[in-house]
Amino acid sequence: FQSQIQNSFNCDFLYDQDAASMAYEMGSNAIVNNSAIVNGPVHI
């Protein structure tokens, strides 16, 4: 989506053995970006 997006995340670490904490933080950060001062779309 390039420039028409608030932020983009690529969850390419799902198959790492101990990446749950990183995945959880990505999810929470996605919503924070999604509902920042100016709302808008976010892509994971």
ModelCIF file with pLDDT and N, C-alpha, C, O atoms, coordinates in Angstrom:
data_MODEL
#
_entry.id   MODEL 
#
_entity.id                         1 
_entity.type                       polymer 
_entity.pdbx_number_of_molecules   1 
#
_entity_poly.entity_id                      1 
_entity_poly.type                           'polypeptide(L)' 
_entity_poly.nstd_linkage                   no 
_entity_poly.nstd_monomer                   no 
_entity_poly.pdbx_seq_one_letter_code       FQSQIQNSFNCDFLYDQDAASMAYEMGSNAIVNNSAIVNGPVHI 
_entity_poly.pdbx_seq_one_letter_code_can   FQSQIQNSFNCDFLYDQDAASMAYEMGSNAIVNNSAIVNGPVHI 
_entity_poly.pdbx_strand_id                 A 
#
loop_
_entity_poly_seq.entity_id 
_entity_poly_seq.num 
_entity_poly_seq.mon_id 
_entity_poly_seq.hetero 
1 1  PHE n 
1 2  GLN n 
1 3  SER n 
1 4  GLN n 
1 5  ILE n 
1 6  GLN n 
1 7  ASN n 
1 8  SER n 
1 9  PHE n 
1 10 ASN n 
1 11 CYS n 
1 12 ASP n 
1 13 PHE n 
1 14 LEU n 
1 15 TYR n 
1 16 ASP n 
1 17 GLN n 
1 18 ASP n 
1 19 ALA n 
1 20 ALA n 
1 21 SER n 
1 22 MET n 
1 23 ALA n 
1 24 TYR n 
1 25 GLU n 
1 26 MET n 
1 27 GLY n 
1 28 SER n 
1 29 ASN n 
1 30 ALA n 
1 31 ILE n 
1 32 VAL n 
1 33 ASN n 
1 34 ASN n 
1 35 SER n 
1 36 ALA n 
1 37 ILE n 
1 38 VAL n 
1 39 ASN n 
1 40 GLY n 
1 41 PRO n 
1 42 VAL n 
1 43 HIS n 
1 44 ILE n 
#
_struct_asym.id          A 
_struct_asym.entity_id   1 
#
loop_
_ma_qa_metric.id 
_ma_qa_metric.mode 
_ma_qa_metric.name 
_ma_qa_metric.software_group_id 
_ma_qa_metric.type 
1 global pLDDT . pLDDT 
2 local  pLDDT . pLDDT 
#
_ma_qa_metric_global.metric_id      1 
_ma_qa_metric_global.metric_value   92.09 
_ma_qa_metric_global.model_id       1 
_ma_qa_metric_global.ordinal_id     1 
#
loop_
_ma_qa_metric_local.label_asym_id 
_ma_qa_metric_local.label_comp_id 
_ma_qa_metric_local.label_seq_id 
_ma_qa_metric_local.metric_id 
_ma_qa_metric_local.metric_value 
_ma_qa_metric_local.model_id 
_ma_qa_metric_local.ordinal_id 
A PHE 1  2 95.00 1 1  
A GLN 2  2 90.00 1 2  
A SER 3  2 88.00 1 3  
A GLN 4  2 93.00 1 4  
A ILE 5  2 94.00 1 5  
A GLN 6  2 94.00 1 6  
A ASN 7  2 94.00 1 7  
A SER 8  2 96.00 1 8  
A PHE 9  2 97.00 1 9  
A ASN 10 2 96.00 1 10 
A CYS 11 2 95.00 1 11 
A ASP 12 2 93.00 1 12 
A PHE 13 2 94.00 1 13 
A LEU 14 2 94.00 1 14 
A TYR 15 2 93.00 1 15 
A ASP 16 2 94.00 1 16 
A GLN 17 2 89.00 1 17 
A ASP 18 2 90.00 1 18 
A ALA 19 2 94.00 1 19 
A ALA 20 2 94.00 1 20 
A SER 21 2 94.00 1 21 
A MET 22 2 95.00 1 22 
A ALA 23 2 96.00 1 23 
A TYR 24 2 95.00 1 24 
A GLU 25 2 95.00 1 25 
A MET 26 2 96.00 1 26 
A GLY 27 2 96.00 1 27 
A SER 28 2 94.00 1 28 
A ASN 29 2 94.00 1 29 
A ALA 30 2 95.00 1 30 
A ILE 31 2 94.00 1 31 
A VAL 32 2 92.00 1 32 
A ASN 33 2 89.00 1 33 
A ASN 34 2 85.00 1 34 
A SER 35 2 78.00 1 35 
A ALA 36 2 72.00 1 36 
A ILE 37 2 73.00 1 37 
A VAL 38 2 80.00 1 38 
A ASN 39 2 90.00 1 39 
A GLY 40 2 94.00 1 40 
A PRO 41 2 96.00 1 41 
A VAL 42 2 97.00 1 42 
A HIS 43 2 97.00 1 43 
A ILE 44 2 98.00 1 44 
#
loop_
_atom_site.group_PDB 
_atom_site.id 
_atom_site.type_symbol 
_atom_site.label_atom_id 
_atom_site.label_alt_id 
_atom_site.label_comp_id 
_atom_site.label_asym_id 
_atom_site.label_entity_id 
_atom_site.label_seq_id 
_atom_site.pdbx_PDB_ins_code 
_atom_site.Cartn_x 
_atom_site.Cartn_y 
_atom_site.Cartn_z 
_atom_site.occupancy 
_atom_site.B_iso_or_equiv 
_atom_site.pdbx_formal_charge 
_atom_site.auth_seq_id 
_atom_site.auth_comp_id 
_atom_site.auth_asym_id 
_atom_site.auth_atom_id 
_atom_site.pdbx_PDB_model_num 
ATOM 1   N N  . PHE A 1 1  ? 0.811  -1.215  0.000  1.00 95.00 ? 1  PHE A N  1 
ATOM 2   C CA . PHE A 1 1  ? 0.000  0.000   0.000  1.00 95.00 ? 1  PHE A CA 1 
ATOM 3   C C  . PHE A 1 1  ? 0.846  1.268   0.000  1.00 95.00 ? 1  PHE A C  1 
ATOM 4   O O  . PHE A 1 1  ? 0.319  2.364   -0.190 1.00 95.00 ? 1  PHE A O  1 
ATOM 5   N N  . GLN A 1 2  ? 2.120  1.131   0.206  1.00 90.00 ? 2  GLN A N  1 
ATOM 6   C CA . GLN A 1 2  ? 3.099  2.206   0.101  1.00 90.00 ? 2  GLN A CA 1 
ATOM 7   C C  . GLN A 1 2  ? 2.678  3.461   0.836  1.00 90.00 ? 2  GLN A C  1 
ATOM 8   O O  . GLN A 1 2  ? 2.543  3.442   2.060  1.00 90.00 ? 2  GLN A O  1 
ATOM 9   N N  . SER A 1 3  ? 2.465  4.565   0.109  1.00 88.00 ? 3  SER A N  1 
ATOM 10  C CA . SER A 1 3  ? 2.265  5.852   0.779  1.00 88.00 ? 3  SER A CA 1 
ATOM 11  C C  . SER A 1 3  ? 0.860  6.059   1.313  1.00 88.00 ? 3  SER A C  1 
ATOM 12  O O  . SER A 1 3  ? 0.631  6.999   2.075  1.00 88.00 ? 3  SER A O  1 
ATOM 13  N N  . GLN A 1 4  ? -0.101 5.200   0.933  1.00 93.00 ? 4  GLN A N  1 
ATOM 14  C CA . GLN A 1 4  ? -1.478 5.366   1.417  1.00 93.00 ? 4  GLN A CA 1 
ATOM 15  C C  . GLN A 1 4  ? -1.731 4.485   2.630  1.00 93.00 ? 4  GLN A C  1 
ATOM 16  O O  . GLN A 1 4  ? -2.678 3.699   2.642  1.00 93.00 ? 4  GLN A O  1 
ATOM 17  N N  . ILE A 1 5  ? -0.893 4.611   3.645  1.00 94.00 ? 5  ILE A N  1 
ATOM 18  C CA . ILE A 1 5  ? -0.995 3.737   4.815  1.00 94.00 ? 5  ILE A CA 1 
ATOM 19  C C  . ILE A 1 5  ? -0.341 4.443   5.996  1.00 94.00 ? 5  ILE A C  1 
ATOM 20  O O  . ILE A 1 5  ? 0.624  5.188   5.822  1.00 94.00 ? 5  ILE A O  1 
ATOM 21  N N  . GLN A 1 6  ? -0.865 4.211   7.198  1.00 94.00 ? 6  GLN A N  1 
ATOM 22  C CA . GLN A 1 6  ? -0.233 4.776   8.388  1.00 94.00 ? 6  GLN A CA 1 
ATOM 23  C C  . GLN A 1 6  ? 1.079  4.062   8.702  1.00 94.00 ? 6  GLN A C  1 
ATOM 24  O O  . GLN A 1 6  ? 2.088  4.690   9.025  1.00 94.00 ? 6  GLN A O  1 
ATOM 25  N N  . ASN A 1 7  ? 1.037  2.726   8.599  1.00 94.00 ? 7  ASN A N  1 
ATOM 26  C CA . ASN A 1 7  ? 2.247  1.936   8.850  1.00 94.00 ? 7  ASN A CA 1 
ATOM 27  C C  . ASN A 1 7  ? 2.041  0.529   8.312  1.00 94.00 ? 7  ASN A C  1 
ATOM 28  O O  . ASN A 1 7  ? 0.910  0.053   8.210  1.00 94.00 ? 7  ASN A O  1 
ATOM 29  N N  . SER A 1 8  ? 3.137  -0.128  7.972  1.00 96.00 ? 8  SER A N  1 
ATOM 30  C CA . SER A 1 8  ? 3.107  -1.506  7.483  1.00 96.00 ? 8  SER A CA 1 
ATOM 31  C C  . SER A 1 8  ? 4.061  -2.355  8.306  1.00 96.00 ? 8  SER A C  1 
ATOM 32  O O  . SER A 1 8  ? 5.156  -1.918  8.660  1.00 96.00 ? 8  SER A O  1 
ATOM 33  N N  . PHE A 1 9  ? 3.629  -3.576  8.605  1.00 97.00 ? 9  PHE A N  1 
ATOM 34  C CA . PHE A 1 9  ? 4.451  -4.530  9.352  1.00 97.00 ? 9  PHE A CA 1 
ATOM 35  C C  . PHE A 1 9  ? 4.521  -5.829  8.557  1.00 97.00 ? 9  PHE A C  1 
ATOM 36  O O  . PHE A 1 9  ? 3.537  -6.241  7.942  1.00 97.00 ? 9  PHE A O  1 
ATOM 37  N N  . ASN A 1 10 ? 5.684  -6.471  8.573  1.00 96.00 ? 10 ASN A N  1 
ATOM 38  C CA . ASN A 1 10 ? 5.828  -7.784  7.953  1.00 96.00 ? 10 ASN A CA 1 
ATOM 39  C C  . ASN A 1 10 ? 6.204  -8.788  9.027  1.00 96.00 ? 10 ASN A C  1 
ATOM 40  O O  . ASN A 1 10 ? 7.303  -8.741  9.580  1.00 96.00 ? 10 ASN A O  1 
ATOM 41  N N  . CYS A 1 11 ? 5.283  -9.696  9.316  1.00 95.00 ? 11 CYS A N  1 
ATOM 42  C CA . CYS A 1 11 ? 5.469  -10.658 10.407 1.00 95.00 ? 11 CYS A CA 1 
ATOM 43  C C  . CYS A 1 11 ? 6.208  -11.888 9.867  1.00 95.00 ? 11 CYS A C  1 
ATOM 44  O O  . CYS A 1 11 ? 5.623  -12.959 9.707  1.00 95.00 ? 11 CYS A O  1 
ATOM 45  N N  . ASP A 1 12 ? 7.503  -11.713 9.592  1.00 93.00 ? 12 ASP A N  1 
ATOM 46  C CA . ASP A 1 12 ? 8.296  -12.777 8.973  1.00 93.00 ? 12 ASP A CA 1 
ATOM 47  C C  . ASP A 1 12 ? 9.074  -13.616 9.979  1.00 93.00 ? 12 ASP A C  1 
ATOM 48  O O  . ASP A 1 12 ? 10.000 -14.337 9.606  1.00 93.00 ? 12 ASP A O  1 
ATOM 49  N N  . PHE A 1 13 ? 8.702  -13.525 11.245 1.00 94.00 ? 13 PHE A N  1 
ATOM 50  C CA . PHE A 1 13 ? 9.444  -14.241 12.289 1.00 94.00 ? 13 PHE A CA 1 
ATOM 51  C C  . PHE A 1 13 ? 8.574  -15.273 13.012 1.00 94.00 ? 13 PHE A C  1 
ATOM 52  O O  . PHE A 1 13 ? 8.959  -15.773 14.069 1.00 94.00 ? 13 PHE A O  1 
ATOM 53  N N  . LEU A 1 14 ? 7.412  -15.593 12.453 1.00 94.00 ? 14 LEU A N  1 
ATOM 54  C CA . LEU A 1 14 ? 6.493  -16.495 13.149 1.00 94.00 ? 14 LEU A CA 1 
ATOM 55  C C  . LEU A 1 14 ? 7.110  -17.860 13.447 1.00 94.00 ? 14 LEU A C  1 
ATOM 56  O O  . LEU A 1 14 ? 6.738  -18.510 14.424 1.00 94.00 ? 14 LEU A O  1 
ATOM 57  N N  . TYR A 1 15 ? 8.043  -18.292 12.616 1.00 93.00 ? 15 TYR A N  1 
ATOM 58  C CA . TYR A 1 15 ? 8.588  -19.643 12.768 1.00 93.00 ? 15 TYR A CA 1 
ATOM 59  C C  . TYR A 1 15 ? 9.814  -19.672 13.662 1.00 93.00 ? 15 TYR A C  1 
ATOM 60  O O  . TYR A 1 15 ? 10.435 -20.721 13.828 1.00 93.00 ? 15 TYR A O  1 
ATOM 61  N N  . ASP A 1 16 ? 10.173 -18.522 14.244 1.00 94.00 ? 16 ASP A N  1 
ATOM 62  C CA . ASP A 1 16 ? 11.238 -18.511 15.251 1.00 94.00 ? 16 ASP A CA 1 
ATOM 63  C C  . ASP A 1 16 ? 10.706 -19.105 16.545 1.00 94.00 ? 16 ASP A C  1 
ATOM 64  O O  . ASP A 1 16 ? 9.549  -18.885 16.902 1.00 94.00 ? 16 ASP A O  1 
ATOM 65  N N  . GLN A 1 17 ? 11.526 -19.841 17.236 1.00 89.00 ? 17 GLN A N  1 
ATOM 66  C CA . GLN A 1 17 ? 11.079 -20.593 18.410 1.00 89.00 ? 17 GLN A CA 1 
ATOM 67  C C  . GLN A 1 17 ? 10.559 -19.693 19.529 1.00 89.00 ? 17 GLN A C  1 
ATOM 68  O O  . GLN A 1 17 ? 9.553  -20.012 20.164 1.00 89.00 ? 17 GLN A O  1 
ATOM 69  N N  . ASP A 1 18 ? 11.229 -18.585 19.770 1.00 90.00 ? 18 ASP A N  1 
ATOM 70  C CA . ASP A 1 18 ? 10.875 -17.742 20.918 1.00 90.00 ? 18 ASP A CA 1 
ATOM 71  C C  . ASP A 1 18 ? 10.527 -16.318 20.479 1.00 90.00 ? 18 ASP A C  1 
ATOM 72  O O  . ASP A 1 18 ? 11.125 -15.352 20.952 1.00 90.00 ? 18 ASP A O  1 
ATOM 73  N N  . ALA A 1 19 ? 9.566  -16.201 19.579 1.00 94.00 ? 19 ALA A N  1 
ATOM 74  C CA . ALA A 1 19 ? 9.223  -14.893 19.027 1.00 94.00 ? 19 ALA A CA 1 
ATOM 75  C C  . ALA A 1 19 ? 7.864  -14.392 19.494 1.00 94.00 ? 19 ALA A C  1 
ATOM 76  O O  . ALA A 1 19 ? 7.359  -13.403 18.964 1.00 94.00 ? 19 ALA A O  1 
ATOM 77  N N  . ALA A 1 20 ? 7.262  -15.054 20.475 1.00 94.00 ? 20 ALA A N  1 
ATOM 78  C CA . ALA A 1 20 ? 5.915  -14.675 20.907 1.00 94.00 ? 20 ALA A CA 1 
ATOM 79  C C  . ALA A 1 20 ? 5.872  -13.247 21.436 1.00 94.00 ? 20 ALA A C  1 
ATOM 80  O O  . ALA A 1 20 ? 4.945  -12.497 21.129 1.00 94.00 ? 20 ALA A O  1 
ATOM 81  N N  . SER A 1 21 ? 6.869  -12.871 22.226 1.00 94.00 ? 21 SER A N  1 
ATOM 82  C CA . SER A 1 21 ? 6.892  -11.526 22.791 1.00 94.00 ? 21 SER A CA 1 
ATOM 83  C C  . SER A 1 21 ? 6.988  -10.479 21.690 1.00 94.00 ? 21 SER A C  1 
ATOM 84  O O  . SER A 1 21 ? 6.333  -9.438  21.754 1.00 94.00 ? 21 SER A O  1 
ATOM 85  N N  . MET A 1 22 ? 7.812  -10.760 20.673 1.00 95.00 ? 22 MET A N  1 
ATOM 86  C CA . MET A 1 22 ? 7.961  -9.844  19.543 1.00 95.00 ? 22 MET A CA 1 
ATOM 87  C C  . MET A 1 22 ? 6.648  -9.724  18.773 1.00 95.00 ? 22 MET A C  1 
ATOM 88  O O  . MET A 1 22 ? 6.266  -8.631  18.353 1.00 95.00 ? 22 MET A O  1 
ATOM 89  N N  . ALA A 1 23 ? 5.956  -10.858 18.589 1.00 96.00 ? 23 ALA A N  1 
ATOM 90  C CA . ALA A 1 23 ? 4.685  -10.847 17.865 1.00 96.00 ? 23 ALA A CA 1 
ATOM 91  C C  . ALA A 1 23 ? 3.625  -10.059 18.628 1.00 96.00 ? 23 ALA A C  1 
ATOM 92  O O  . ALA A 1 23 ? 2.867  -9.289  18.038 1.00 96.00 ? 23 ALA A O  1 
ATOM 93  N N  . TYR A 1 24 ? 3.580  -10.259 19.946 1.00 95.00 ? 24 TYR A N  1 
ATOM 94  C CA . TYR A 1 24 ? 2.614  -9.545  20.784 1.00 95.00 ? 24 TYR A CA 1 
ATOM 95  C C  . TYR A 1 24 ? 2.835  -8.035  20.686 1.00 95.00 ? 24 TYR A C  1 
ATOM 96  O O  . TYR A 1 24 ? 1.883  -7.264  20.564 1.00 95.00 ? 24 TYR A O  1 
ATOM 97  N N  . GLU A 1 25 ? 4.095  -7.628  20.740 1.00 95.00 ? 25 GLU A N  1 
ATOM 98  C CA . GLU A 1 25 ? 4.419  -6.205  20.682 1.00 95.00 ? 25 GLU A CA 1 
ATOM 99  C C  . GLU A 1 25 ? 4.070  -5.627  19.311 1.00 95.00 ? 25 GLU A C  1 
ATOM 100 O O  . GLU A 1 25 ? 3.613  -4.488  19.216 1.00 95.00 ? 25 GLU A O  1 
ATOM 101 N N  . MET A 1 26 ? 4.286  -6.416  18.236 1.00 96.00 ? 26 MET A N  1 
ATOM 102 C CA . MET A 1 26 ? 3.911  -5.949  16.905 1.00 96.00 ? 26 MET A CA 1 
ATOM 103 C C  . MET A 1 26 ? 2.408  -5.693  16.840 1.00 96.00 ? 26 MET A C  1 
ATOM 104 O O  . MET A 1 26 ? 1.977  -4.685  16.280 1.00 96.00 ? 26 MET A O  1 
ATOM 105 N N  . GLY A 1 27 ? 1.609  -6.596  17.407 1.00 96.00 ? 27 GLY A N  1 
ATOM 106 C CA . GLY A 1 27 ? 0.161  -6.418  17.409 1.00 96.00 ? 27 GLY A CA 1 
ATOM 107 C C  . GLY A 1 27 ? -0.267 -5.174  18.143 1.00 96.00 ? 27 GLY A C  1 
ATOM 108 O O  . GLY A 1 27 ? -1.100 -4.415  17.648 1.00 96.00 ? 27 GLY A O  1 
ATOM 109 N N  . SER A 1 28 ? 0.287  -4.954  19.314 1.00 94.00 ? 28 SER A N  1 
ATOM 110 C CA . SER A 1 28 ? -0.088 -3.770  20.093 1.00 94.00 ? 28 SER A CA 1 
ATOM 111 C C  . SER A 1 28 ? 0.376  -2.492  19.407 1.00 94.00 ? 28 SER A C  1 
ATOM 112 O O  . SER A 1 28 ? -0.332 -1.486  19.427 1.00 94.00 ? 28 SER A O  1 
ATOM 113 N N  . ASN A 1 29 ? 1.564  -2.524  18.798 1.00 94.00 ? 29 ASN A N  1 
ATOM 114 C CA . ASN A 1 29 ? 2.060  -1.338  18.090 1.00 94.00 ? 29 ASN A CA 1 
ATOM 115 C C  . ASN A 1 29 ? 1.230  -1.025  16.853 1.00 94.00 ? 29 ASN A C  1 
ATOM 116 O O  . ASN A 1 29 ? 1.066  0.138   16.485 1.00 94.00 ? 29 ASN A O  1 
ATOM 117 N N  . ALA A 1 30 ? 0.702  -2.081  16.206 1.00 95.00 ? 30 ALA A N  1 
ATOM 118 C CA . ALA A 1 30 ? -0.118 -1.864  15.020 1.00 95.00 ? 30 ALA A CA 1 
ATOM 119 C C  . ALA A 1 30 ? -1.363 -1.067  15.360 1.00 95.00 ? 30 ALA A C  1 
ATOM 120 O O  . ALA A 1 30 ? -1.741 -0.162  14.616 1.00 95.00 ? 30 ALA A O  1 
ATOM 121 N N  . ILE A 1 31 ? -2.003 -1.390  16.471 1.00 94.00 ? 31 ILE A N  1 
ATOM 122 C CA . ILE A 1 31 ? -3.209 -0.662  16.873 1.00 94.00 ? 31 ILE A CA 1 
ATOM 123 C C  . ILE A 1 31 ? -2.858 0.761   17.293 1.00 94.00 ? 31 ILE A C  1 
ATOM 124 O O  . ILE A 1 31 ? -3.617 1.690   17.017 1.00 94.00 ? 31 ILE A O  1 
ATOM 125 N N  . VAL A 1 32 ? -1.727 0.940   17.951 1.00 92.00 ? 32 VAL A N  1 
ATOM 126 C CA . VAL A 1 32 ? -1.300 2.278   18.349 1.00 92.00 ? 32 VAL A CA 1 
ATOM 127 C C  . VAL A 1 32 ? -1.102 3.148   17.114 1.00 92.00 ? 32 VAL A C  1 
ATOM 128 O O  . VAL A 1 32 ? -1.530 4.302   17.090 1.00 92.00 ? 32 VAL A O  1 
ATOM 129 N N  . ASN A 1 33 ? -0.446 2.593   16.077 1.00 89.00 ? 33 ASN A N  1 
ATOM 130 C CA . ASN A 1 33 ? -0.266 3.329   14.823 1.00 89.00 ? 33 ASN A CA 1 
ATOM 131 C C  . ASN A 1 33 ? -1.596 3.593   14.146 1.00 89.00 ? 33 ASN A C  1 
ATOM 132 O O  . ASN A 1 33 ? -1.802 4.638   13.528 1.00 89.00 ? 33 ASN A O  1 
ATOM 133 N N  . ASN A 1 34 ? -2.500 2.623   14.272 1.00 85.00 ? 34 ASN A N  1 
ATOM 134 C CA . ASN A 1 34 ? -3.815 2.682   13.644 1.00 85.00 ? 34 ASN A CA 1 
ATOM 135 C C  . ASN A 1 34 ? -4.675 3.799   14.211 1.00 85.00 ? 34 ASN A C  1 
ATOM 136 O O  . ASN A 1 34 ? -5.468 4.406   13.491 1.00 85.00 ? 34 ASN A O  1 
ATOM 137 N N  . SER A 1 35 ? -4.518 4.068   15.504 1.00 78.00 ? 35 SER A N  1 
ATOM 138 C CA . SER A 1 35 ? -5.359 5.058   16.187 1.00 78.00 ? 35 SER A CA 1 
ATOM 139 C C  . SER A 1 35 ? -4.508 6.155   16.814 1.00 78.00 ? 35 SER A C  1 
ATOM 140 O O  . SER A 1 35 ? -4.734 6.567   17.951 1.00 78.00 ? 35 SER A O  1 
ATOM 141 N N  . ALA A 1 36 ? -3.528 6.616   16.048 1.00 72.00 ? 36 ALA A N  1 
ATOM 142 C CA . ALA A 1 36 ? -2.663 7.693   16.512 1.00 72.00 ? 36 ALA A CA 1 
ATOM 143 C C  . ALA A 1 36 ? -3.437 9.008   16.484 1.00 72.00 ? 36 ALA A C  1 
ATOM 144 O O  . ALA A 1 36 ? -4.663 9.012   16.368 1.00 72.00 ? 36 ALA A O  1 
ATOM 145 N N  . ILE A 1 37 ? -2.716 10.125  16.593 1.00 73.00 ? 37 ILE A N  1 
ATOM 146 C CA . ILE A 1 37 ? -3.378 11.430  16.583 1.00 73.00 ? 37 ILE A CA 1 
ATOM 147 C C  . ILE A 1 37 ? -4.244 11.575  15.341 1.00 73.00 ? 37 ILE A C  1 
ATOM 148 O O  . ILE A 1 37 ? -5.357 12.097  15.402 1.00 73.00 ? 37 ILE A O  1 
ATOM 149 N N  . VAL A 1 38 ? -3.720 11.105  14.214 1.00 80.00 ? 38 VAL A N  1 
ATOM 150 C CA . VAL A 1 38 ? -4.499 11.031  12.980 1.00 80.00 ? 38 VAL A CA 1 
ATOM 151 C C  . VAL A 1 38 ? -4.750 9.558   12.683 1.00 80.00 ? 38 VAL A C  1 
ATOM 152 O O  . VAL A 1 38 ? -3.807 8.809   12.427 1.00 80.00 ? 38 VAL A O  1 
ATOM 153 N N  . ASN A 1 39 ? -6.014 9.138   12.714 1.00 90.00 ? 39 ASN A N  1 
ATOM 154 C CA . ASN A 1 39 ? -6.347 7.742   12.448 1.00 90.00 ? 39 ASN A CA 1 
ATOM 155 C C  . ASN A 1 39 ? -6.066 7.392   10.993 1.00 90.00 ? 39 ASN A C  1 
ATOM 156 O O  . ASN A 1 39 ? -5.934 8.270   10.139 1.00 90.00 ? 39 ASN A O  1 
ATOM 157 N N  . GLY A 1 40 ? -5.977 6.083   10.728 1.00 94.00 ? 40 GLY A N  1 
ATOM 158 C CA . GLY A 1 40 ? -5.767 5.649   9.357  1.00 94.00 ? 40 GLY A CA 1 
ATOM 159 C C  . GLY A 1 40 ? -5.525 4.156   9.286  1.00 94.00 ? 40 GLY A C  1 
ATOM 160 O O  . GLY A 1 40 ? -5.512 3.481   10.316 1.00 94.00 ? 40 GLY A O  1 
ATOM 161 N N  . PRO A 1 41 ? -5.332 3.625   8.074  1.00 96.00 ? 41 PRO A N  1 
ATOM 162 C CA . PRO A 1 41 ? -5.162 2.180   7.898  1.00 96.00 ? 41 PRO A CA 1 
ATOM 163 C C  . PRO A 1 41 ? -3.761 1.705   8.250  1.00 96.00 ? 41 PRO A C  1 
ATOM 164 O O  . PRO A 1 41 ? -2.783 2.436   8.102  1.00 96.00 ? 41 PRO A O  1 
ATOM 165 N N  . VAL A 1 42 ? -3.686 0.464   8.718  1.00 97.00 ? 42 VAL A N  1 
ATOM 166 C CA . VAL A 1 42 ? -2.418 -0.206  9.017  1.00 97.00 ? 42 VAL A CA 1 
ATOM 167 C C  . VAL A 1 42 ? -2.477 -1.606  8.404  1.00 97.00 ? 42 VAL A C  1 
ATOM 168 O O  . VAL A 1 42 ? -3.528 -2.246  8.404  1.00 97.00 ? 42 VAL A O  1 
ATOM 169 N N  . HIS A 1 43 ? -1.352 -2.069  7.887  1.00 97.00 ? 43 HIS A N  1 
ATOM 170 C CA . HIS A 1 43 ? -1.275 -3.379  7.233  1.00 97.00 ? 43 HIS A CA 1 
ATOM 171 C C  . HIS A 1 43 ? -0.275 -4.270  7.961  1.00 97.00 ? 43 HIS A C  1 
ATOM 172 O O  . HIS A 1 43 ? 0.863  -3.867  8.204  1.00 97.00 ? 43 HIS A O  1 
ATOM 173 N N  . ILE A 1 44 ? -0.704 -5.478  8.307  1.00 98.00 ? 44 ILE A N  1 
ATOM 174 C CA . ILE A 1 44 ? 0.214  -6.506  8.826  1.00 98.00 ? 44 ILE A CA 1 
ATOM 175 C C  . ILE A 1 44 ? 0.226  -7.653  7.831  1.00 98.00 ? 44 ILE A C  1 
ATOM 176 O O  . ILE A 1 44 ? 0.925  -8.644  8.040  1.00 98.00 ? 44 ILE A O  1 
#
